[in-house]
Amino acid sequence: MATTANPAEPVLNKRLLTPNDVIALIPGLKLKLLAEWRYKKTGPPYYKVGRIILYPFDDLEAWFEGLERGGDPND
């Protein structure tokens, strides 16, 4: 499990999202794929508390922005 937590900001002060919140934000994303990414450690950073999975909104946003492609024909 990877996180990009800022040590100056307590994690519990962050906006935390459930997997259902995440798939509601990203059109076409399914719970099964999100779970697969967790298993393969390729998806967005998350926390696991028992069976509860939580995604910090800021970390999810940074991860998503890292997926940006194209736009510049010289890429």
PDB file of N, CA and C in Angstrom:
ATOM      1  N   MET A   1       0.846  -1.169   0.000  1.00  0.00           N
ATOM      2  CA  MET A   1       0.000   0.000   0.000  1.00  0.00           C
ATOM      3  C   MET A   1       0.890   1.229   0.000  1.00  0.00           C
ATOM      4  N   ALA A   2       0.665   2.076  -0.966  1.00  0.00           N
ATOM      5  CA  ALA A   2       1.468   3.286  -1.085  1.00  0.00           C
ATOM      6  C   ALA A   2       0.627   4.500  -0.719  1.00  0.00           C
ATOM      7  N   THR A   3       1.261   5.446  -0.063  1.00  0.00           N
ATOM      8  CA  THR A   3       0.592   6.704   0.228  1.00  0.00           C
ATOM      9  C   THR A   3       1.563   7.837   0.003  1.00  0.00           C
ATOM     10  N   THR A   4       1.011   9.000  -0.267  1.00  0.00           N
ATOM     11  CA  THR A   4       1.848  10.182  -0.434  1.00  0.00           C
ATOM     12  C   THR A   4       1.443  11.202   0.616  1.00  0.00           C
ATOM     13  N   ALA A   5       1.252  10.732   1.830  1.00  0.00           N
ATOM     14  CA  ALA A   5       0.776  11.597   2.903  1.00  0.00           C
ATOM     15  C   ALA A   5       1.784  12.696   3.212  1.00  0.00           C
ATOM     16  N   ASN A   6       1.259  13.890   3.437  1.00  0.00           N
ATOM     17  CA  ASN A   6       2.066  15.026   3.838  1.00  0.00           C
ATOM     18  C   ASN A   6       2.217  14.949   5.353  1.00  0.00           C
ATOM     19  N   PRO A   7       3.442  14.825   5.875  1.00  0.00           N
ATOM     20  CA  PRO A   7       3.606  14.681   7.323  1.00  0.00           C
ATOM     21  C   PRO A   7       3.080  15.872   8.113  1.00  0.00           C
ATOM     22  N   ALA A   8       2.955  17.036   7.482  1.00  0.00           N
ATOM     23  CA  ALA A   8       2.469  18.223   8.187  1.00  0.00           C
ATOM     24  C   ALA A   8       0.954  18.186   8.367  1.00  0.00           C
ATOM     25  N   GLU A   9       0.258  17.394   7.571  1.00  0.00           N
ATOM     26  CA  GLU A   9      -1.199  17.323   7.651  1.00  0.00           C
ATOM     27  C   GLU A   9      -1.626  15.940   8.130  1.00  0.00           C
ATOM     28  N   PRO A  10      -2.316  15.862   9.277  1.00  0.00           N
ATOM     29  CA  PRO A  10      -2.791  14.557   9.744  1.00  0.00           C
ATOM     30  C   PRO A  10      -3.737  13.923   8.726  1.00  0.00           C
ATOM     31  N   VAL A  11      -3.587  12.632   8.516  1.00  0.00           N
ATOM     32  CA  VAL A  11      -4.384  11.914   7.523  1.00  0.00           C
ATOM     33  C   VAL A  11      -5.876  12.077   7.787  1.00  0.00           C
ATOM     34  N   LEU A  12      -6.278  12.035   9.032  1.00  0.00           N
ATOM     35  CA  LEU A  12      -7.705  12.105   9.333  1.00  0.00           C
ATOM     36  C   LEU A  12      -8.302  13.485   9.075  1.00  0.00           C
ATOM     37  N   ASN A  13      -7.468  14.485   8.808  1.00  0.00           N
ATOM     38  CA  ASN A  13      -7.972  15.802   8.415  1.00  0.00           C
ATOM     39  C   ASN A  13      -8.222  15.887   6.915  1.00  0.00           C
ATOM     40  N   LYS A  14      -7.771  14.877   6.180  1.00  0.00           N
ATOM     41  CA  LYS A  14      -7.944  14.857   4.735  1.00  0.00           C
ATOM     42  C   LYS A  14      -9.353  14.397   4.379  1.00  0.00           C
ATOM     43  N   ARG A  15      -9.777  14.751   3.182  1.00  0.00           N
ATOM     44  CA  ARG A  15     -11.045  14.247   2.651  1.00  0.00           C
ATOM     45  C   ARG A  15     -10.789  12.821   2.179  1.00  0.00           C
ATOM     46  N   LEU A  16     -11.463  11.852   2.793  1.00  0.00           N
ATOM     47  CA  LEU A  16     -11.269  10.442   2.473  1.00  0.00           C
ATOM     48  C   LEU A  16     -12.472   9.917   1.708  1.00  0.00           C
ATOM     49  N   LEU A  17     -12.200   9.152   0.656  1.00  0.00           N
ATOM     50  CA  LEU A  17     -13.249   8.624  -0.212  1.00  0.00           C
ATOM     51  C   LEU A  17     -13.307   7.105  -0.127  1.00  0.00           C
ATOM     52  N   THR A  18     -14.509   6.560  -0.213  1.00  0.00           N
ATOM     53  CA  THR A  18     -14.676   5.112  -0.302  1.00  0.00           C
ATOM     54  C   THR A  18     -14.489   4.698  -1.766  1.00  0.00           C
ATOM     55  N   PRO A  19     -14.317   3.411  -2.033  1.00  0.00           N
ATOM     56  CA  PRO A  19     -14.238   2.970  -3.440  1.00  0.00           C
ATOM     57  C   PRO A  19     -15.460   3.409  -4.253  1.00  0.00           C
ATOM     58  N   ASN A  20     -16.653   3.386  -3.655  1.00  0.00           N
ATOM     59  CA  ASN A  20     -17.851   3.843  -4.376  1.00  0.00           C
ATOM     60  C   ASN A  20     -17.767   5.325  -4.717  1.00  0.00           C
ATOM     61  N   ASP A  21     -17.190   6.123  -3.829  1.00  0.00           N
ATOM     62  CA  ASP A  21     -16.984   7.545  -4.121  1.00  0.00           C
ATOM     63  C   ASP A  21     -16.044   7.717  -5.307  1.00  0.00           C
ATOM     64  N   VAL A  22     -14.980   6.910  -5.324  1.00  0.00           N
ATOM     65  CA  VAL A  22     -13.975   7.007  -6.390  1.00  0.00           C
ATOM     66  C   VAL A  22     -14.587   6.666  -7.742  1.00  0.00           C
ATOM     67  N   ILE A  23     -15.348   5.567  -7.814  1.00  0.00           N
ATOM     68  CA  ILE A  23     -15.916   5.201  -9.122  1.00  0.00           C
ATOM     69  C   ILE A  23     -16.978   6.207  -9.569  1.00  0.00           C
ATOM     70  N   ALA A  24     -17.587   6.919  -8.618  1.00  0.00           N
ATOM     71  CA  ALA A  24     -18.543   7.963  -8.986  1.00  0.00           C
ATOM     72  C   ALA A  24     -17.826   9.168  -9.605  1.00  0.00           C
ATOM     73  N   LEU A  25     -16.570   9.378  -9.242  1.00  0.00           N
ATOM     74  CA  LEU A  25     -15.808  10.520  -9.758  1.00  0.00           C
ATOM     75  C   LEU A  25     -15.166  10.247 -11.122  1.00  0.00           C
ATOM     76  N   ILE A  26     -14.865   8.973 -11.407  1.00  0.00           N
ATOM     77  CA  ILE A  26     -14.156   8.635 -12.645  1.00  0.00           C
ATOM     78  C   ILE A  26     -15.100   7.845 -13.552  1.00  0.00           C
ATOM     79  N   PRO A  27     -15.622   8.478 -14.602  1.00  0.00           N
ATOM     80  CA  PRO A  27     -16.586   7.812 -15.481  1.00  0.00           C
ATOM     81  C   PRO A  27     -16.030   6.517 -16.064  1.00  0.00           C
ATOM     82  N   GLY A  28     -16.837   5.463 -16.004  1.00  0.00           N
ATOM     83  CA  GLY A  28     -16.457   4.181 -16.589  1.00  0.00           C
ATOM     84  C   GLY A  28     -15.667   3.265 -15.670  1.00  0.00           C
ATOM     85  N   LEU A  29     -15.154   3.786 -14.574  1.00  0.00           N
ATOM     86  CA  LEU A  29     -14.382   2.958 -13.640  1.00  0.00           C
ATOM     87  C   LEU A  29     -15.323   2.049 -12.869  1.00  0.00           C
ATOM     88  N   LYS A  30     -14.945   0.788 -12.705  1.00  0.00           N
ATOM     89  CA  LYS A  30     -15.746  -0.205 -11.988  1.00  0.00           C
ATOM     90  C   LYS A  30     -15.037  -0.612 -10.705  1.00  0.00           C
ATOM     91  N   LEU A  31     -15.818  -1.031  -9.713  1.00  0.00           N
ATOM     92  CA  LEU A  31     -15.251  -1.486  -8.437  1.00  0.00           C
ATOM     93  C   LEU A  31     -14.260  -2.623  -8.634  1.00  0.00           C
ATOM     94  N   LYS A  32     -14.569  -3.534  -9.554  1.00  0.00           N
ATOM     95  CA  LYS A  32     -13.694  -4.683  -9.797  1.00  0.00           C
ATOM     96  C   LYS A  32     -12.311  -4.234 -10.273  1.00  0.00           C
ATOM     97  N   LEU A  33     -12.270  -3.262 -11.172  1.00  0.00           N
ATOM     98  CA  LEU A  33     -10.985  -2.771 -11.670  1.00  0.00           C
ATOM     99  C   LEU A  33     -10.217  -2.043 -10.570  1.00  0.00           C
ATOM    100  N   LEU A  34     -10.913  -1.266  -9.763  1.00  0.00           N
ATOM    101  CA  LEU A  34     -10.271  -0.567  -8.654  1.00  0.00           C
ATOM    102  C   LEU A  34      -9.662  -1.578  -7.671  1.00  0.00           C
ATOM    103  N   ALA A  35     -10.376  -2.660  -7.398  1.00  0.00           N
ATOM    104  CA  ALA A  35      -9.865  -3.718  -6.521  1.00  0.00           C
ATOM    105  C   ALA A  35      -8.655  -4.411  -7.154  1.00  0.00           C
ATOM    106  N   GLU A  36      -8.705  -4.610  -8.460  1.00  0.00           N
ATOM    107  CA  GLU A  36      -7.580  -5.217  -9.179  1.00  0.00           C
ATOM    108  C   GLU A  36      -6.338  -4.333  -9.073  1.00  0.00           C
ATOM    109  N   TRP A  37      -6.518  -3.039  -9.213  1.00  0.00           N
ATOM    110  CA  TRP A  37      -5.393  -2.101  -9.084  1.00  0.00           C
ATOM    111  C   TRP A  37      -4.788  -2.175  -7.687  1.00  0.00           C
ATOM    112  N   ARG A  38      -5.646  -2.305  -6.652  1.00  0.00           N
ATOM    113  CA  ARG A  38      -5.114  -2.428  -5.285  1.00  0.00           C
ATOM    114  C   ARG A  38      -4.290  -3.697  -5.172  1.00  0.00           C
ATOM    115  N   TYR A  39      -4.800  -4.788  -5.710  1.00  0.00           N
ATOM    116  CA  TYR A  39      -4.099  -6.068  -5.649  1.00  0.00           C
ATOM    117  C   TYR A  39      -2.744  -5.992  -6.360  1.00  0.00           C
ATOM    118  N   LYS A  40      -2.723  -5.350  -7.522  1.00  0.00           N
ATOM    119  CA  LYS A  40      -1.494  -5.236  -8.317  1.00  0.00           C
ATOM    120  C   LYS A  40      -0.621  -4.060  -7.890  1.00  0.00           C
ATOM    121  N   LYS A  41      -1.131  -3.238  -6.952  1.00  0.00           N
ATOM    122  CA  LYS A  41      -0.416  -2.047  -6.466  1.00  0.00           C
ATOM    123  C   LYS A  41      -0.085  -1.070  -7.596  1.00  0.00           C
ATOM    124  N   THR A  42      -1.042  -0.899  -8.525  1.00  0.00           N
ATOM    125  CA  THR A  42      -0.840   0.009  -9.656  1.00  0.00           C
ATOM    126  C   THR A  42      -1.793   1.198  -9.638  1.00  0.00           C
ATOM    127  N   GLY A  43      -2.763   1.187  -8.768  1.00  0.00           N
ATOM    128  CA  GLY A  43      -3.769   2.243  -8.744  1.00  0.00           C
ATOM    129  C   GLY A  43      -3.403   3.377  -7.810  1.00  0.00           C
ATOM    130  N   PRO A  44      -4.408   4.161  -7.479  1.00  0.00           N
ATOM    131  CA  PRO A  44      -4.171   5.311  -6.598  1.00  0.00           C
ATOM    132  C   PRO A  44      -3.839   4.875  -5.179  1.00  0.00           C
ATOM    133  N   PRO A  45      -3.120   5.718  -4.431  1.00  0.00           N
ATOM    134  CA  PRO A  45      -2.791   5.414  -3.039  1.00  0.00           C
ATOM    135  C   PRO A  45      -4.059   5.281  -2.196  1.00  0.00           C
ATOM    136  N   TYR A  46      -4.002   4.401  -1.208  1.00  0.00           N
ATOM    137  CA  TYR A  46      -5.162   4.190  -0.342  1.00  0.00           C
ATOM    138  C   TYR A  46      -4.712   3.749   1.040  1.00  0.00           C
ATOM    139  N   TYR A  47      -5.659   3.796   1.969  1.00  0.00           N
ATOM    140  CA  TYR A  47      -5.447   3.278   3.321  1.00  0.00           C
ATOM    141  C   TYR A  47      -6.407   2.124   3.522  1.00  0.00           C
ATOM    142  N   LYS A  48      -5.987   1.147   4.298  1.00  0.00           N
ATOM    143  CA  LYS A  48      -6.858   0.027   4.629  1.00  0.00           C
ATOM    144  C   LYS A  48      -6.936  -0.073   6.144  1.00  0.00           C
ATOM    145  N   VAL A  49      -8.156   0.020   6.667  1.00  0.00           N
ATOM    146  CA  VAL A  49      -8.410  -0.089   8.098  1.00  0.00           C
ATOM    147  C   VAL A  49      -9.354  -1.266   8.266  1.00  0.00           C
ATOM    148  N   GLY A  50      -8.807  -2.417   8.653  1.00  0.00           N
ATOM    149  CA  GLY A  50      -9.625  -3.628   8.676  1.00  0.00           C
ATOM    150  C   GLY A  50     -10.061  -3.942   7.258  1.00  0.00           C
ATOM    151  N   ARG A  51     -11.365  -3.959   7.035  1.00  0.00           N
ATOM    152  CA  ARG A  51     -11.901  -4.195   5.685  1.00  0.00           C
ATOM    153  C   ARG A  51     -12.227  -2.895   4.955  1.00  0.00           C
ATOM    154  N   ILE A  52     -12.047  -1.790   5.619  1.00  0.00           N
ATOM    155  CA  ILE A  52     -12.415  -0.494   5.056  1.00  0.00           C
ATOM    156  C   ILE A  52     -11.270   0.053   4.206  1.00  0.00           C
ATOM    157  N   ILE A  53     -11.593   0.416   2.970  1.00  0.00           N
ATOM    158  CA  ILE A  53     -10.629   1.011   2.042  1.00  0.00           C
ATOM    159  C   ILE A  53     -10.976   2.488   1.906  1.00  0.00           C
ATOM    160  N   LEU A  54      -9.977   3.353   2.072  1.00  0.00           N
ATOM    161  CA  LEU A  54     -10.186   4.794   1.960  1.00  0.00           C
ATOM    162  C   LEU A  54      -9.105   5.414   1.080  1.00  0.00           C
ATOM    163  N   TYR A  55      -9.536   6.278   0.185  1.00  0.00           N
ATOM    164  CA  TYR A  55      -8.637   6.978  -0.721  1.00  0.00           C
ATOM    165  C   TYR A  55      -8.595   8.454  -0.350  1.00  0.00           C
ATOM    166  N   PRO A  56      -7.423   9.003  -0.012  1.00  0.00           N
ATOM    167  CA  PRO A  56      -7.337  10.449   0.217  1.00  0.00           C
ATOM    168  C   PRO A  56      -7.591  11.185  -1.100  1.00  0.00           C
ATOM    169  N   PHE A  57      -8.527  12.127  -1.085  1.00  0.00           N
ATOM    170  CA  PHE A  57      -8.906  12.844  -2.304  1.00  0.00           C
ATOM    171  C   PHE A  57      -7.703  13.498  -2.977  1.00  0.00           C
ATOM    172  N   ASP A  58      -6.855  14.175  -2.213  1.00  0.00           N
ATOM    173  CA  ASP A  58      -5.696  14.865  -2.796  1.00  0.00           C
ATOM    174  C   ASP A  58      -4.751  13.889  -3.491  1.00  0.00           C
ATOM    175  N   ASP A  59      -4.536  12.724  -2.882  1.00  0.00           N
ATOM    176  CA  ASP A  59      -3.657  11.718  -3.482  1.00  0.00           C
ATOM    177  C   ASP A  59      -4.288  11.122  -4.737  1.00  0.00           C
ATOM    178  N   LEU A  60      -5.609  10.911  -4.703  1.00  0.00           N
ATOM    179  CA  LEU A  60      -6.322  10.401  -5.879  1.00  0.00           C
ATOM    180  C   LEU A  60      -6.207  11.397  -7.027  1.00  0.00           C
ATOM    181  N   GLU A  61      -6.387  12.671  -6.719  1.00  0.00           N
ATOM    182  CA  GLU A  61      -6.294  13.714  -7.741  1.00  0.00           C
ATOM    183  C   GLU A  61      -4.891  13.772  -8.343  1.00  0.00           C
ATOM    184  N   ALA A  62      -3.859  13.698  -7.507  1.00  0.00           N
ATOM    185  CA  ALA A  62      -2.472  13.721  -7.998  1.00  0.00           C
ATOM    186  C   ALA A  62      -2.193  12.500  -8.869  1.00  0.00           C
ATOM    187  N   TRP A  63      -2.668  11.333  -8.442  1.00  0.00           N
ATOM    188  CA  TRP A  63      -2.474  10.103  -9.224  1.00  0.00           C
ATOM    189  C   TRP A  63      -3.159  10.239 -10.583  1.00  0.00           C
ATOM    190  N   PHE A  64      -4.391  10.746 -10.579  1.00  0.00           N
ATOM    191  CA  PHE A  64      -5.156  10.892 -11.819  1.00  0.00           C
ATOM    192  C   PHE A  64      -4.481  11.873 -12.765  1.00  0.00           C
ATOM    193  N   GLU A  65      -3.998  12.993 -12.240  1.00  0.00           N
ATOM    194  CA  GLU A  65      -3.312  13.980 -13.074  1.00  0.00           C
ATOM    195  C   GLU A  65      -2.049  13.385 -13.699  1.00  0.00           C
ATOM    196  N   GLY A  66      -1.422  12.436 -13.023  1.00  0.00           N
ATOM    197  CA  GLY A  66      -0.248  11.762 -13.563  1.00  0.00           C
ATOM    198  C   GLY A  66      -0.555  10.883 -14.760  1.00  0.00           C
ATOM    199  N   LEU A  67      -1.841  10.614 -15.007  1.00  0.00           N
ATOM    200  CA  LEU A  67      -2.251   9.782 -16.137  1.00  0.00           C
ATOM    201  C   LEU A  67      -2.477  10.591 -17.408  1.00  0.00           C
ATOM    202  N   GLU A  68      -2.383  11.913 -17.317  1.00  0.00           N
ATOM    203  CA  GLU A  68      -2.672  12.777 -18.462  1.00  0.00           C
ATOM    204  C   GLU A  68      -1.780  12.418 -19.648  1.00  0.00           C
ATOM    205  N   ARG A  69      -2.385  12.396 -20.823  1.00  0.00           N
ATOM    206  CA  ARG A  69      -1.671  12.038 -22.061  1.00  0.00           C
ATOM    207  C   ARG A  69      -1.970  13.065 -23.161  1.00  0.00           C
ATOM    208  N   GLY A  70      -1.063  13.109 -24.120  1.00  0.00           N
ATOM    209  CA  GLY A  70      -1.309  13.814 -25.373  1.00  0.00           C
ATOM    210  C   GLY A  70      -1.405  15.321 -25.271  1.00  0.00           C
ATOM    211  N   GLY A  71      -1.968  15.878 -26.341  1.00  0.00           N
ATOM    212  CA  GLY A  71      -2.120  17.311 -26.411  1.00  0.00           C
ATOM    213  C   GLY A  71      -1.006  17.968 -27.198  1.00  0.00           C
ATOM    214  N   ASP A  72       0.235  17.579 -26.939  1.00  0.00           N
ATOM    215  CA  ASP A  72       1.393  18.139 -27.622  1.00  0.00           C
ATOM    216  C   ASP A  72       1.827  17.156 -28.722  1.00  0.00           C
ATOM    217  N   PRO A  73       1.775  17.580 -29.988  1.00  0.00           N
ATOM    218  CA  PRO A  73       2.155  16.671 -31.074  1.00  0.00           C
ATOM    219  C   PRO A  73       3.641  16.254 -31.011  1.00  0.00           C
ATOM    220  N   ASN A  74       4.445  16.937 -30.184  1.00  0.00           N
ATOM    221  CA  ASN A  74       5.860  16.577 -30.067  1.00  0.00           C
ATOM    222  C   ASN A  74       6.110  15.520 -28.997  1.00  0.00           C
ATOM    223  N   ASP A  75       5.039  15.046 -28.317  1.00  0.00           N
ATOM    224  CA  ASP A  75       5.204  14.018 -27.274  1.00  0.00           C
ATOM    225  C   ASP A  75       5.600  12.686 -27.865  1.00  0.00           C
TER     226      ASP A  75
END
